[in-house]
């Protein structure tokens, strides 16, 4: 019975040490925000500069 009591008290102390889900979510969002700020800037040119438009066919 003593080992059961000690095991339950050990598990309860671990459960108290875990952070709340909202705290974890906020930290995750902060990491995403930081990654977005440090990401390389996006070019606003053509998405595929190596592809050219086809020339229009000439009527015969």
C-alpha atoms as a PDB file:
ATOM      1  CA  UNK A   1       0.000   0.000   0.000  1.00  0.00           C
ATOM      2  CA  UNK A   2       2.889   2.335   0.692  1.00  0.00           C
ATOM      3  CA  UNK A   3       4.323   1.781  -2.763  1.00  0.00           C
ATOM      4  CA  UNK A   4       0.941   2.535  -4.310  1.00  0.00           C
ATOM      5  CA  UNK A   5       0.699   5.764  -2.343  1.00  0.00           C
ATOM      6  CA  UNK A   6       4.229   6.813  -3.284  1.00  0.00           C
ATOM      7  CA  UNK A   7       3.604   5.983  -6.942  1.00  0.00           C
ATOM      8  CA  UNK A   8       0.368   8.012  -7.020  1.00  0.00           C
ATOM      9  CA  UNK A   9       2.008  10.997  -5.349  1.00  0.00           C
ATOM     10  CA  UNK A  10       4.852  10.782  -7.860  1.00  0.00           C
ATOM     11  CA  UNK A  11       2.400  10.781 -10.787  1.00  0.00           C
ATOM     12  CA  UNK A  12       0.450  13.704  -9.369  1.00  0.00           C
ATOM     13  CA  UNK A  13       3.603  15.783  -9.015  1.00  0.00           C
ATOM     14  CA  UNK A  14       4.456  15.099 -12.663  1.00  0.00           C
ATOM     15  CA  UNK A  15       0.954  16.122 -13.740  1.00  0.00           C
ATOM     16  CA  UNK A  16       1.271  19.405 -11.876  1.00  0.00           C
ATOM     17  CA  UNK A  17       4.584  20.163 -13.589  1.00  0.00           C
ATOM     18  CA  UNK A  18       3.160  19.966 -17.121  1.00  0.00           C
ATOM     19  CA  UNK A  19       2.345  23.333 -18.689  1.00  0.00           C
ATOM     20  CA  UNK A  20      -1.214  24.268 -19.569  1.00  0.00           C
ATOM     21  CA  UNK A  21      -2.233  23.676 -23.206  1.00  0.00           C
ATOM     22  CA  UNK A  22      -2.918  27.380 -23.795  1.00  0.00           C
ATOM     23  CA  UNK A  23       0.624  28.214 -22.697  1.00  0.00           C
ATOM     24  CA  UNK A  24       2.075  25.649 -25.077  1.00  0.00           C
ATOM     25  CA  UNK A  25      -0.084  26.976 -27.928  1.00  0.00           C
ATOM     26  CA  UNK A  26       0.976  30.574 -27.313  1.00  0.00           C
ATOM     27  CA  UNK A  27       4.616  29.533 -27.271  1.00  0.00           C
ATOM     28  CA  UNK A  28       4.086  27.677 -30.557  1.00  0.00           C
ATOM     29  CA  UNK A  29       2.548  30.785 -32.132  1.00  0.00           C
ATOM     30  CA  UNK A  30       5.454  32.888 -30.887  1.00  0.00           C
ATOM     31  CA  UNK A  31       7.897  30.485 -32.550  1.00  0.00           C
ATOM     32  CA  UNK A  32       5.942  30.638 -35.818  1.00  0.00           C
ATOM     33  CA  UNK A  33       5.923  34.426 -35.694  1.00  0.00           C
ATOM     34  CA  UNK A  34       9.663  34.509 -35.109  1.00  0.00           C
ATOM     35  CA  UNK A  35      10.284  32.114 -38.002  1.00  0.00           C
ATOM     36  CA  UNK A  36       8.124  34.225 -40.299  1.00  0.00           C
ATOM     37  CA  UNK A  37      10.024  37.393 -39.428  1.00  0.00           C
ATOM     38  CA  UNK A  38      13.414  35.797 -40.070  1.00  0.00           C
ATOM     39  CA  UNK A  39      12.362  34.057 -43.314  1.00  0.00           C
ATOM     40  CA  UNK A  40      13.915  35.203 -46.555  1.00  0.00           C
ATOM     41  CA  UNK A  41      11.928  37.883 -48.373  1.00  0.00           C
ATOM     42  CA  UNK A  42       9.551  36.661 -51.053  1.00  0.00           C
ATOM     43  CA  UNK A  43      10.217  37.777 -54.604  1.00  0.00           C
ATOM     44  CA  UNK A  44       7.198  39.324 -56.287  1.00  0.00           C
ATOM     45  CA  UNK A  45       8.304  38.555 -59.835  1.00  0.00           C
ATOM     46  CA  UNK A  46       7.100  35.804 -62.087  1.00  0.00           C
ATOM     47  CA  UNK A  47       6.554  32.531 -60.215  1.00  0.00           C
ATOM     48  CA  UNK A  48       8.271  30.617 -63.033  1.00  0.00           C
ATOM     49  CA  UNK A  49      10.756  32.904 -64.780  1.00  0.00           C
ATOM     50  CA  UNK A  50      12.261  30.017 -66.783  1.00  0.00           C
ATOM     51  CA  UNK A  51       9.003  29.386 -68.662  1.00  0.00           C
ATOM     52  CA  UNK A  52       8.095  31.595 -71.572  1.00  0.00           C
ATOM     53  CA  UNK A  53       4.700  32.131 -73.121  1.00  0.00           C
ATOM     54  CA  UNK A  54       4.128  30.422 -76.420  1.00  0.00           C
ATOM     55  CA  UNK A  55       4.189  32.611 -79.477  1.00  0.00           C
ATOM     56  CA  UNK A  56       0.865  33.029 -81.219  1.00  0.00           C
ATOM     57  CA  UNK A  57       0.425  30.895 -84.326  1.00  0.00           C
ATOM     58  CA  UNK A  58       0.360  32.725 -87.592  1.00  0.00           C
ATOM     59  CA  UNK A  59      -2.644  32.190 -89.821  1.00  0.00           C
ATOM     60  CA  UNK A  60      -1.887  30.378 -93.096  1.00  0.00           C
END
